[in-house]
Amino acid sequence: MSNLLENALQHNEPSAESLDQQLRRKLECSINAGSSSNYANCSSIAGRAPLATNEPVYKDLSYAIVGAVIEVHRHLGPGQLESNYERALAKELAYRGIPFRRQVGFASYYKGEVIGELVADLVVDDRIILELKAVERVHPAHKAQLLSYMRATGMRLGMLINFNEAVVWKGIKRIVC
């Protein structure tokens, strides 16, 4: 991932922008398949063509998810268990009429044979995988886990959400493949 994009996603300085403007700008920043060697094979594995450089993927749905995440964090704050955030986010998505499934299992393959099952925390509208965390900091293995889910399902968008942040939108990583 480029340093410029990483800085944009983890921008921590105070700004004159409203929270709404910051969230919209954050959602505009996404990792595209061709922009980094770490993600270069994502499109080919999912069987899809690479994305155009500025092509938004499920922007409105992503924005609605971020709103639900902020509402959950506003009520629970940091420091809860991941399972509590998952249950609360499921309730909030339901309140907002956003279709989702919890603890979605799908097969993991090795050379064409099923070797096990992967389980995503939430799948929203059968288009976006949400991987929830409540950790001090997001580790590269967490991003790799989400990418594995995206490759296995062919879904183009995943969101890695760390609720253990003072301001939760700083803990949201939107990954496009």
N, C-alpha and C. Protein backbone atom coordinates (compact mmCIF):
# COMPACT_ATOMS: atom_id res chain seq x y z
N MET A 1 0.86 -1.16 0.00
CA MET A 1 0.00 0.00 0.00
C MET A 1 0.91 1.23 0.00
N SER A 2 0.53 2.23 -0.76
CA SER A 2 1.37 3.42 -0.84
C SER A 2 1.36 4.16 0.48
N ASN A 3 2.48 4.84 0.77
CA ASN A 3 2.57 5.61 2.00
C ASN A 3 1.55 6.73 2.03
N LEU A 4 1.30 7.36 0.87
CA LEU A 4 0.32 8.43 0.79
C LEU A 4 -1.07 7.93 1.17
N LEU A 5 -1.47 6.77 0.63
CA LEU A 5 -2.77 6.20 0.95
C LEU A 5 -2.85 5.80 2.41
N GLU A 6 -1.78 5.20 2.92
CA GLU A 6 -1.75 4.81 4.33
C GLU A 6 -1.92 6.03 5.22
N ASN A 7 -1.23 7.13 4.90
CA ASN A 7 -1.37 8.35 5.69
C ASN A 7 -2.79 8.89 5.60
N ALA A 8 -3.40 8.82 4.43
CA ALA A 8 -4.78 9.31 4.28
C ALA A 8 -5.74 8.47 5.11
N LEU A 9 -5.52 7.15 5.16
CA LEU A 9 -6.41 6.28 5.92
C LEU A 9 -6.22 6.41 7.42
N GLN A 10 -5.01 6.80 7.85
CA GLN A 10 -4.74 6.87 9.27
C GLN A 10 -4.48 8.31 9.72
N HIS A 11 -5.05 9.26 9.04
CA HIS A 11 -4.86 10.68 9.32
C HIS A 11 -5.38 10.99 10.72
N ASN A 12 -4.51 11.42 11.62
CA ASN A 12 -4.90 11.64 13.00
C ASN A 12 -4.86 13.10 13.43
N GLU A 13 -4.43 14.04 12.56
CA GLU A 13 -4.33 15.43 12.94
C GLU A 13 -5.71 16.06 12.97
N PRO A 14 -5.91 17.05 13.86
CA PRO A 14 -7.18 17.74 13.88
C PRO A 14 -7.38 18.49 12.56
N SER A 15 -8.63 18.65 12.17
CA SER A 15 -8.93 19.26 10.88
C SER A 15 -10.17 20.12 11.00
N ALA A 16 -10.28 21.08 10.09
CA ALA A 16 -11.47 21.93 10.04
C ALA A 16 -12.64 21.21 9.38
N GLU A 17 -12.37 20.06 8.77
CA GLU A 17 -13.43 19.30 8.12
C GLU A 17 -14.43 18.79 9.16
N SER A 18 -15.68 18.72 8.77
CA SER A 18 -16.67 18.12 9.65
C SER A 18 -16.45 16.61 9.66
N LEU A 19 -17.01 15.93 10.64
CA LEU A 19 -16.89 14.48 10.72
C LEU A 19 -17.47 13.84 9.47
N ASP A 20 -18.59 14.38 8.98
CA ASP A 20 -19.22 13.85 7.77
C ASP A 20 -18.27 13.95 6.58
N GLN A 21 -17.60 15.10 6.43
CA GLN A 21 -16.65 15.27 5.32
C GLN A 21 -15.47 14.32 5.46
N GLN A 22 -15.00 14.14 6.68
CA GLN A 22 -13.88 13.24 6.91
C GLN A 22 -14.27 11.81 6.57
N LEU A 23 -15.48 11.39 6.96
CA LEU A 23 -15.94 10.04 6.65
C LEU A 23 -16.08 9.85 5.15
N ARG A 24 -16.65 10.83 4.47
CA ARG A 24 -16.80 10.72 3.02
C ARG A 24 -15.43 10.63 2.34
N ARG A 25 -14.47 11.45 2.80
CA ARG A 25 -13.13 11.41 2.23
C ARG A 25 -12.48 10.06 2.49
N LYS A 26 -12.68 9.53 3.71
CA LYS A 26 -12.10 8.24 4.07
C LYS A 26 -12.66 7.13 3.19
N LEU A 27 -13.97 7.18 2.91
CA LEU A 27 -14.59 6.17 2.08
C LEU A 27 -14.11 6.26 0.64
N GLU A 28 -13.69 7.45 0.21
CA GLU A 28 -13.18 7.61 -1.15
C GLU A 28 -11.83 6.89 -1.30
N CYS A 29 -11.09 6.78 -0.20
CA CYS A 29 -9.78 6.12 -0.23
C CYS A 29 -9.99 4.62 -0.18
N SER A 30 -9.53 3.92 -1.16
CA SER A 30 -9.63 2.47 -1.13
C SER A 30 -8.40 1.87 -1.78
N ILE A 31 -8.16 0.65 -1.44
CA ILE A 31 -7.01 -0.06 -1.99
C ILE A 31 -7.46 -0.73 -3.27
N ASN A 32 -6.84 -0.40 -4.38
CA ASN A 32 -7.20 -1.01 -5.66
C ASN A 32 -6.24 -2.14 -5.98
N ALA A 33 -6.72 -3.11 -6.70
CA ALA A 33 -5.96 -4.32 -6.97
C ALA A 33 -4.61 -4.04 -7.59
N GLY A 34 -4.51 -3.09 -8.50
CA GLY A 34 -3.26 -2.84 -9.18
C GLY A 34 -2.34 -1.87 -8.47
N SER A 35 -2.75 -1.32 -7.33
CA SER A 35 -1.96 -0.26 -6.72
C SER A 35 -0.83 -0.75 -5.84
N SER A 36 -0.81 -2.01 -5.49
CA SER A 36 0.23 -2.51 -4.61
C SER A 36 0.50 -3.97 -4.93
N SER A 37 1.75 -4.36 -4.86
CA SER A 37 2.08 -5.75 -5.15
C SER A 37 1.45 -6.70 -4.15
N ASN A 38 1.16 -6.22 -2.93
CA ASN A 38 0.53 -7.08 -1.94
C ASN A 38 -0.87 -7.51 -2.36
N TYR A 39 -1.52 -6.72 -3.19
CA TYR A 39 -2.89 -6.99 -3.57
C TYR A 39 -3.03 -7.28 -5.06
N ALA A 40 -1.92 -7.44 -5.76
CA ALA A 40 -1.95 -7.58 -7.21
C ALA A 40 -2.72 -8.80 -7.68
N ASN A 41 -2.71 -9.88 -6.93
CA ASN A 41 -3.38 -11.10 -7.37
C ASN A 41 -4.83 -11.19 -6.92
N CYS A 42 -5.30 -10.23 -6.19
CA CYS A 42 -6.64 -10.30 -5.63
C CYS A 42 -7.71 -10.42 -6.71
N SER A 43 -7.66 -9.60 -7.75
CA SER A 43 -8.68 -9.64 -8.80
C SER A 43 -8.63 -10.93 -9.57
N SER A 44 -7.42 -11.40 -9.88
CA SER A 44 -7.33 -12.62 -10.67
C SER A 44 -7.81 -13.83 -9.87
N ILE A 45 -7.55 -13.85 -8.58
CA ILE A 45 -8.00 -14.97 -7.76
C ILE A 45 -9.52 -14.95 -7.65
N ALA A 46 -10.10 -13.77 -7.53
CA ALA A 46 -11.56 -13.67 -7.42
C ALA A 46 -12.23 -13.87 -8.78
N GLY A 47 -11.44 -13.96 -9.85
CA GLY A 47 -12.00 -14.17 -11.17
C GLY A 47 -12.62 -12.92 -11.76
N ARG A 48 -12.14 -11.77 -11.34
CA ARG A 48 -12.70 -10.51 -11.81
C ARG A 48 -11.61 -9.63 -12.40
N ALA A 49 -12.05 -8.74 -13.27
CA ALA A 49 -11.12 -7.79 -13.86
C ALA A 49 -10.70 -6.77 -12.81
N PRO A 50 -9.49 -6.22 -12.92
CA PRO A 50 -9.07 -5.18 -11.98
C PRO A 50 -9.99 -3.97 -12.06
N LEU A 51 -10.10 -3.25 -10.95
CA LEU A 51 -10.94 -2.07 -10.89
C LEU A 51 -10.26 -0.89 -11.57
N ALA A 52 -11.05 0.02 -12.11
CA ALA A 52 -10.51 1.28 -12.60
C ALA A 52 -10.00 2.04 -11.39
N THR A 53 -9.04 2.93 -11.59
CA THR A 53 -8.37 3.60 -10.49
C THR A 53 -9.33 4.29 -9.51
N ASN A 54 -10.33 5.02 -10.01
CA ASN A 54 -11.22 5.77 -9.12
C ASN A 54 -12.63 5.21 -9.06
N GLU A 55 -12.82 3.98 -9.44
CA GLU A 55 -14.16 3.38 -9.45
C GLU A 55 -14.62 3.10 -8.02
N PRO A 56 -15.69 3.77 -7.56
CA PRO A 56 -16.18 3.48 -6.20
C PRO A 56 -16.91 2.14 -6.18
N VAL A 57 -16.74 1.41 -5.09
CA VAL A 57 -17.39 0.12 -4.94
C VAL A 57 -18.33 0.21 -3.74
N TYR A 58 -19.63 0.13 -4.03
CA TYR A 58 -20.66 0.13 -2.98
C TYR A 58 -20.50 1.31 -2.02
N LYS A 59 -20.28 2.48 -2.57
CA LYS A 59 -20.02 3.66 -1.75
C LYS A 59 -21.16 3.96 -0.78
N ASP A 60 -22.42 3.96 -1.27
CA ASP A 60 -23.56 4.29 -0.40
C ASP A 60 -23.75 3.25 0.70
N LEU A 61 -23.61 1.98 0.35
CA LEU A 61 -23.74 0.93 1.35
C LEU A 61 -22.61 1.02 2.38
N SER A 62 -21.40 1.30 1.91
CA SER A 62 -20.25 1.47 2.82
C SER A 62 -20.51 2.61 3.79
N TYR A 63 -21.03 3.70 3.26
CA TYR A 63 -21.31 4.87 4.10
C TYR A 63 -22.35 4.53 5.16
N ALA A 64 -23.38 3.77 4.78
CA ALA A 64 -24.42 3.35 5.73
C ALA A 64 -23.84 2.45 6.81
N ILE A 65 -22.92 1.56 6.43
CA ILE A 65 -22.26 0.67 7.40
C ILE A 65 -21.45 1.50 8.39
N VAL A 66 -20.69 2.47 7.88
CA VAL A 66 -19.87 3.32 8.75
C VAL A 66 -20.78 4.06 9.74
N GLY A 67 -21.92 4.53 9.28
CA GLY A 67 -22.86 5.20 10.18
C GLY A 67 -23.34 4.27 11.29
N ALA A 68 -23.62 3.02 10.94
CA ALA A 68 -24.05 2.04 11.94
C ALA A 68 -22.92 1.74 12.92
N VAL A 69 -21.70 1.62 12.42
CA VAL A 69 -20.53 1.36 13.28
C VAL A 69 -20.34 2.52 14.26
N ILE A 70 -20.46 3.74 13.78
CA ILE A 70 -20.30 4.91 14.65
C ILE A 70 -21.38 4.91 15.73
N GLU A 71 -22.60 4.57 15.37
CA GLU A 71 -23.69 4.54 16.35
C GLU A 71 -23.43 3.49 17.43
N VAL A 72 -22.96 2.32 17.04
CA VAL A 72 -22.63 1.27 18.01
C VAL A 72 -21.52 1.76 18.94
N HIS A 73 -20.48 2.34 18.37
CA HIS A 73 -19.35 2.81 19.18
C HIS A 73 -19.76 3.95 20.10
N ARG A 74 -20.68 4.79 19.64
CA ARG A 74 -21.16 5.90 20.45
C ARG A 74 -21.82 5.38 21.73
N HIS A 75 -22.50 4.25 21.63
CA HIS A 75 -23.18 3.68 22.79
C HIS A 75 -22.28 2.79 23.64
N LEU A 76 -21.41 2.01 23.00
CA LEU A 76 -20.58 1.06 23.75
C LEU A 76 -19.19 1.59 24.08
N GLY A 77 -18.64 2.44 23.22
CA GLY A 77 -17.28 2.93 23.43
C GLY A 77 -16.26 1.82 23.21
N PRO A 78 -14.98 2.14 23.39
CA PRO A 78 -13.94 1.11 23.26
C PRO A 78 -13.89 0.23 24.51
N GLY A 79 -13.26 -0.93 24.38
CA GLY A 79 -13.01 -1.77 25.55
C GLY A 79 -13.94 -2.96 25.73
N GLN A 80 -14.91 -3.14 24.85
CA GLN A 80 -15.82 -4.28 24.94
C GLN A 80 -15.21 -5.49 24.22
N LEU A 81 -15.86 -6.62 24.37
CA LEU A 81 -15.46 -7.81 23.63
C LEU A 81 -15.94 -7.70 22.18
N GLU A 82 -15.21 -8.32 21.27
CA GLU A 82 -15.59 -8.32 19.86
C GLU A 82 -17.01 -8.85 19.66
N SER A 83 -17.37 -9.89 20.40
CA SER A 83 -18.70 -10.49 20.25
C SER A 83 -19.81 -9.51 20.62
N ASN A 84 -19.56 -8.63 21.60
CA ASN A 84 -20.55 -7.61 21.97
C ASN A 84 -20.75 -6.62 20.83
N TYR A 85 -19.64 -6.21 20.22
CA TYR A 85 -19.74 -5.29 19.09
C TYR A 85 -20.48 -5.95 17.91
N GLU A 86 -20.22 -7.22 17.70
CA GLU A 86 -20.88 -7.93 16.61
C GLU A 86 -22.39 -7.97 16.83
N ARG A 87 -22.81 -8.32 18.04
CA ARG A 87 -24.24 -8.37 18.34
C ARG A 87 -24.88 -6.98 18.22
N ALA A 88 -24.20 -5.98 18.74
CA ALA A 88 -24.75 -4.61 18.67
C ALA A 88 -24.82 -4.12 17.22
N LEU A 89 -23.79 -4.41 16.43
CA LEU A 89 -23.79 -3.98 15.03
C LEU A 89 -24.88 -4.70 14.26
N ALA A 90 -25.11 -5.97 14.56
CA ALA A 90 -26.19 -6.71 13.92
C ALA A 90 -27.53 -6.05 14.23
N LYS A 91 -27.73 -5.67 15.47
CA LYS A 91 -28.98 -4.99 15.84
C LYS A 91 -29.11 -3.65 15.11
N GLU A 92 -28.03 -2.91 15.04
CA GLU A 92 -28.07 -1.59 14.39
C GLU A 92 -28.33 -1.71 12.89
N LEU A 93 -27.70 -2.69 12.25
CA LEU A 93 -27.95 -2.91 10.82
C LEU A 93 -29.42 -3.28 10.60
N ALA A 94 -29.96 -4.11 11.49
CA ALA A 94 -31.37 -4.50 11.38
C ALA A 94 -32.28 -3.28 11.58
N TYR A 95 -31.97 -2.43 12.57
CA TYR A 95 -32.75 -1.22 12.79
C TYR A 95 -32.78 -0.35 11.54
N ARG A 96 -31.67 -0.32 10.82
CA ARG A 96 -31.55 0.53 9.63
C ARG A 96 -32.05 -0.15 8.36
N GLY A 97 -32.50 -1.40 8.47
CA GLY A 97 -33.03 -2.11 7.32
C GLY A 97 -31.96 -2.54 6.33
N ILE A 98 -30.74 -2.72 6.80
CA ILE A 98 -29.63 -3.15 5.95
C ILE A 98 -29.51 -4.66 6.06
N PRO A 99 -29.67 -5.39 4.96
CA PRO A 99 -29.62 -6.86 5.03
C PRO A 99 -28.20 -7.35 5.35
N PHE A 100 -28.11 -8.37 6.19
CA PHE A 100 -26.81 -8.92 6.59
C PHE A 100 -26.99 -10.34 7.08
N ARG A 101 -25.87 -11.05 7.17
CA ARG A 101 -25.82 -12.38 7.80
C ARG A 101 -24.64 -12.39 8.75
N ARG A 102 -24.80 -13.08 9.89
CA ARG A 102 -23.73 -13.18 10.89
C ARG A 102 -23.04 -14.53 10.80
N GLN A 103 -21.75 -14.54 11.15
CA GLN A 103 -20.96 -15.77 11.23
C GLN A 103 -21.18 -16.64 9.99
N VAL A 104 -20.84 -16.08 8.84
CA VAL A 104 -21.07 -16.74 7.56
C VAL A 104 -19.88 -17.64 7.24
N GLY A 105 -20.15 -18.92 7.09
CA GLY A 105 -19.10 -19.89 6.77
C GLY A 105 -19.03 -20.16 5.28
N PHE A 106 -17.81 -20.38 4.80
CA PHE A 106 -17.60 -20.75 3.40
C PHE A 106 -16.36 -21.61 3.33
N ALA A 107 -16.31 -22.42 2.30
CA ALA A 107 -15.27 -23.44 2.18
C ALA A 107 -13.90 -22.83 1.87
N SER A 108 -12.88 -23.46 2.41
CA SER A 108 -11.49 -23.14 2.11
C SER A 108 -10.95 -24.31 1.27
N TYR A 109 -10.33 -24.00 0.15
CA TYR A 109 -9.88 -25.03 -0.78
C TYR A 109 -8.36 -25.08 -0.88
N TYR A 110 -7.86 -26.27 -1.11
CA TYR A 110 -6.46 -26.49 -1.44
C TYR A 110 -6.45 -27.44 -2.64
N LYS A 111 -5.90 -26.97 -3.75
CA LYS A 111 -5.83 -27.75 -4.98
C LYS A 111 -7.18 -28.38 -5.34
N GLY A 112 -8.22 -27.56 -5.21
CA GLY A 112 -9.55 -28.00 -5.62
C GLY A 112 -10.31 -28.84 -4.60
N GLU A 113 -9.70 -29.13 -3.46
CA GLU A 113 -10.37 -29.93 -2.43
C GLU A 113 -10.65 -29.08 -1.20
N VAL A 114 -11.81 -29.30 -0.62
CA VAL A 114 -12.17 -28.58 0.60
C VAL A 114 -11.28 -29.06 1.74
N ILE A 115 -10.65 -28.11 2.43
CA ILE A 115 -9.79 -28.47 3.56
C ILE A 115 -10.30 -27.90 4.88
N GLY A 116 -11.33 -27.10 4.80
CA GLY A 116 -11.85 -26.51 6.03
C GLY A 116 -12.86 -25.43 5.72
N GLU A 117 -13.16 -24.66 6.76
CA GLU A 117 -14.15 -23.61 6.62
C GLU A 117 -13.60 -22.30 7.17
N LEU A 118 -13.89 -21.22 6.47
CA LEU A 118 -13.58 -19.88 6.93
C LEU A 118 -14.89 -19.26 7.41
N VAL A 119 -14.84 -18.42 8.43
CA VAL A 119 -16.06 -17.82 8.95
C VAL A 119 -15.87 -16.31 9.06
N ALA A 120 -16.67 -15.58 8.28
CA ALA A 120 -16.65 -14.11 8.33
C ALA A 120 -17.62 -13.63 9.41
N ASP A 121 -17.25 -12.56 10.10
CA ASP A 121 -18.11 -12.03 11.16
C ASP A 121 -19.48 -11.62 10.62
N LEU A 122 -19.48 -10.77 9.59
CA LEU A 122 -20.73 -10.31 8.99
C LEU A 122 -20.56 -10.19 7.49
N VAL A 123 -21.60 -10.50 6.75
CA VAL A 123 -21.65 -10.23 5.32
C VAL A 123 -22.88 -9.37 5.11
N VAL A 124 -22.66 -8.17 4.57
CA VAL A 124 -23.74 -7.20 4.39
C VAL A 124 -24.23 -7.24 2.95
N ASP A 125 -25.50 -7.49 2.79
CA ASP A 125 -26.18 -7.48 1.49
C ASP A 125 -25.49 -8.39 0.47
N ASP A 126 -24.85 -9.43 0.92
CA ASP A 126 -24.10 -10.36 0.07
C ASP A 126 -23.11 -9.64 -0.84
N ARG A 127 -22.62 -8.47 -0.40
CA ARG A 127 -21.67 -7.69 -1.20
C ARG A 127 -20.43 -7.26 -0.43
N ILE A 128 -20.55 -7.10 0.88
CA ILE A 128 -19.43 -6.56 1.67
C ILE A 128 -19.18 -7.47 2.87
N ILE A 129 -17.92 -7.86 3.05
CA ILE A 129 -17.53 -8.66 4.21
C ILE A 129 -17.02 -7.71 5.29
N LEU A 130 -17.54 -7.87 6.50
CA LEU A 130 -17.07 -7.09 7.64
C LEU A 130 -16.30 -8.01 8.58
N GLU A 131 -15.08 -7.63 8.87
CA GLU A 131 -14.28 -8.35 9.84
C GLU A 131 -14.09 -7.41 11.03
N LEU A 132 -14.64 -7.79 12.17
CA LEU A 132 -14.63 -6.94 13.36
C LEU A 132 -13.49 -7.33 14.28
N LYS A 133 -12.88 -6.32 14.87
CA LYS A 133 -11.81 -6.51 15.83
C LYS A 133 -12.02 -5.57 17.01
N ALA A 134 -11.46 -5.94 18.15
CA ALA A 134 -11.43 -5.10 19.34
C ALA A 134 -10.03 -5.26 19.93
N VAL A 135 -9.05 -4.74 19.20
CA VAL A 135 -7.64 -4.94 19.54
C VAL A 135 -6.93 -3.60 19.68
N GLU A 136 -5.77 -3.63 20.33
CA GLU A 136 -5.00 -2.41 20.53
C GLU A 136 -4.59 -1.79 19.20
N ARG A 137 -4.17 -2.65 18.27
CA ARG A 137 -3.84 -2.17 16.92
C ARG A 137 -4.10 -3.29 15.93
N VAL A 138 -4.44 -2.88 14.72
CA VAL A 138 -4.70 -3.87 13.66
C VAL A 138 -3.36 -4.40 13.17
N HIS A 139 -3.25 -5.70 13.12
CA HIS A 139 -2.03 -6.38 12.68
C HIS A 139 -2.17 -6.73 11.20
N PRO A 140 -1.08 -6.80 10.46
CA PRO A 140 -1.17 -7.21 9.04
C PRO A 140 -1.88 -8.55 8.85
N ALA A 141 -1.81 -9.43 9.82
CA ALA A 141 -2.51 -10.72 9.72
C ALA A 141 -4.03 -10.52 9.67
N HIS A 142 -4.54 -9.47 10.30
CA HIS A 142 -5.97 -9.19 10.25
C HIS A 142 -6.39 -8.81 8.83
N LYS A 143 -5.56 -8.01 8.17
CA LYS A 143 -5.84 -7.64 6.78
C LYS A 143 -5.75 -8.86 5.87
N ALA A 144 -4.76 -9.71 6.12
CA ALA A 144 -4.60 -10.93 5.33
C ALA A 144 -5.80 -11.85 5.51
N GLN A 145 -6.34 -11.92 6.72
CA GLN A 145 -7.52 -12.73 7.00
C GLN A 145 -8.70 -12.23 6.16
N LEU A 146 -8.92 -10.92 6.16
CA LEU A 146 -10.02 -10.36 5.37
C LEU A 146 -9.81 -10.60 3.88
N LEU A 147 -8.60 -10.43 3.41
CA LEU A 147 -8.31 -10.69 1.99
C LEU A 147 -8.58 -12.16 1.64
N SER A 148 -8.27 -13.07 2.54
CA SER A 148 -8.55 -14.49 2.31
C SER A 148 -10.04 -14.72 2.14
N TYR A 149 -10.84 -14.09 2.99
CA TYR A 149 -12.29 -14.21 2.88
C TYR A 149 -12.77 -13.65 1.54
N MET A 150 -12.22 -12.51 1.14
CA MET A 150 -12.63 -11.88 -0.11
C MET A 150 -12.26 -12.76 -1.31
N ARG A 151 -11.08 -13.33 -1.28
CA ARG A 151 -10.66 -14.22 -2.38
C ARG A 151 -11.56 -15.46 -2.46
N ALA A 152 -11.85 -16.02 -1.29
CA ALA A 152 -12.65 -17.25 -1.25
C ALA A 152 -14.09 -17.03 -1.73
N THR A 153 -14.63 -15.84 -1.50
CA THR A 153 -16.02 -15.58 -1.86
C THR A 153 -16.15 -14.84 -3.19
N GLY A 154 -15.07 -14.22 -3.66
CA GLY A 154 -15.15 -13.41 -4.87
C GLY A 154 -15.75 -12.03 -4.61
N MET A 155 -15.98 -11.69 -3.36
CA MET A 155 -16.51 -10.36 -3.05
C MET A 155 -15.41 -9.33 -3.21
N ARG A 156 -15.79 -8.17 -3.72
CA ARG A 156 -14.82 -7.13 -4.05
C ARG A 156 -14.52 -6.18 -2.90
N LEU A 157 -15.38 -6.10 -1.91
CA LEU A 157 -15.18 -5.12 -0.86
C LEU A 157 -15.23 -5.77 0.51
N GLY A 158 -14.27 -5.40 1.34
CA GLY A 158 -14.23 -5.83 2.72
C GLY A 158 -13.92 -4.64 3.60
N MET A 159 -14.42 -4.70 4.81
CA MET A 159 -14.13 -3.63 5.77
C MET A 159 -13.60 -4.26 7.05
N LEU A 160 -12.42 -3.83 7.44
CA LEU A 160 -11.80 -4.26 8.68
C LEU A 160 -12.08 -3.17 9.70
N ILE A 161 -12.81 -3.51 10.74
CA ILE A 161 -13.29 -2.51 11.70
C ILE A 161 -12.75 -2.83 13.08
N ASN A 162 -11.93 -1.93 13.61
CA ASN A 162 -11.39 -2.08 14.96
C ASN A 162 -12.15 -1.13 15.89
N PHE A 163 -12.96 -1.70 16.77
CA PHE A 163 -13.76 -0.90 17.69
C PHE A 163 -12.96 -0.35 18.86
N ASN A 164 -11.74 -0.82 19.04
CA ASN A 164 -10.94 -0.38 20.19
C ASN A 164 -10.17 0.90 19.84
N GLU A 165 -10.86 1.89 19.39
CA GLU A 165 -10.31 3.20 19.07
C GLU A 165 -11.12 4.26 19.80
N ALA A 166 -10.48 5.35 20.19
CA ALA A 166 -11.21 6.44 20.84
C ALA A 166 -12.23 7.03 19.87
N VAL A 167 -11.84 7.16 18.60
CA VAL A 167 -12.73 7.63 17.54
C VAL A 167 -12.78 6.49 16.52
N VAL A 168 -13.90 5.80 16.42
CA VAL A 168 -13.96 4.53 15.70
C VAL A 168 -13.67 4.65 14.21
N TRP A 169 -14.01 5.76 13.56
CA TRP A 169 -13.77 5.82 12.12
C TRP A 169 -12.29 5.73 11.80
N LYS A 170 -11.42 6.03 12.77
CA LYS A 170 -9.98 5.87 12.55
C LYS A 170 -9.59 4.40 12.51
N GLY A 171 -10.45 3.53 13.00
CA GLY A 171 -10.19 2.09 13.01
C GLY A 171 -10.85 1.34 11.87
N ILE A 172 -11.38 2.06 10.89
CA ILE A 172 -12.05 1.41 9.76
C ILE A 172 -11.13 1.41 8.55
N LYS A 173 -10.87 0.22 8.03
CA LYS A 173 -10.06 0.04 6.82
C LYS A 173 -10.97 -0.55 5.76
N ARG A 174 -11.07 0.13 4.64
CA ARG A 174 -11.91 -0.32 3.51
C ARG A 174 -10.98 -0.91 2.47
N ILE A 175 -11.15 -2.18 2.15
CA ILE A 175 -10.26 -2.87 1.22
C ILE A 175 -11.05 -3.31 0.00
N VAL A 176 -10.62 -2.83 -1.15
CA VAL A 176 -11.26 -3.18 -2.43
C VAL A 176 -10.34 -4.10 -3.20
N CYS A 177 -10.91 -5.13 -3.77
CA CYS A 177 -10.14 -6.14 -4.48
C CYS A 177 -10.73 -6.39 -5.84
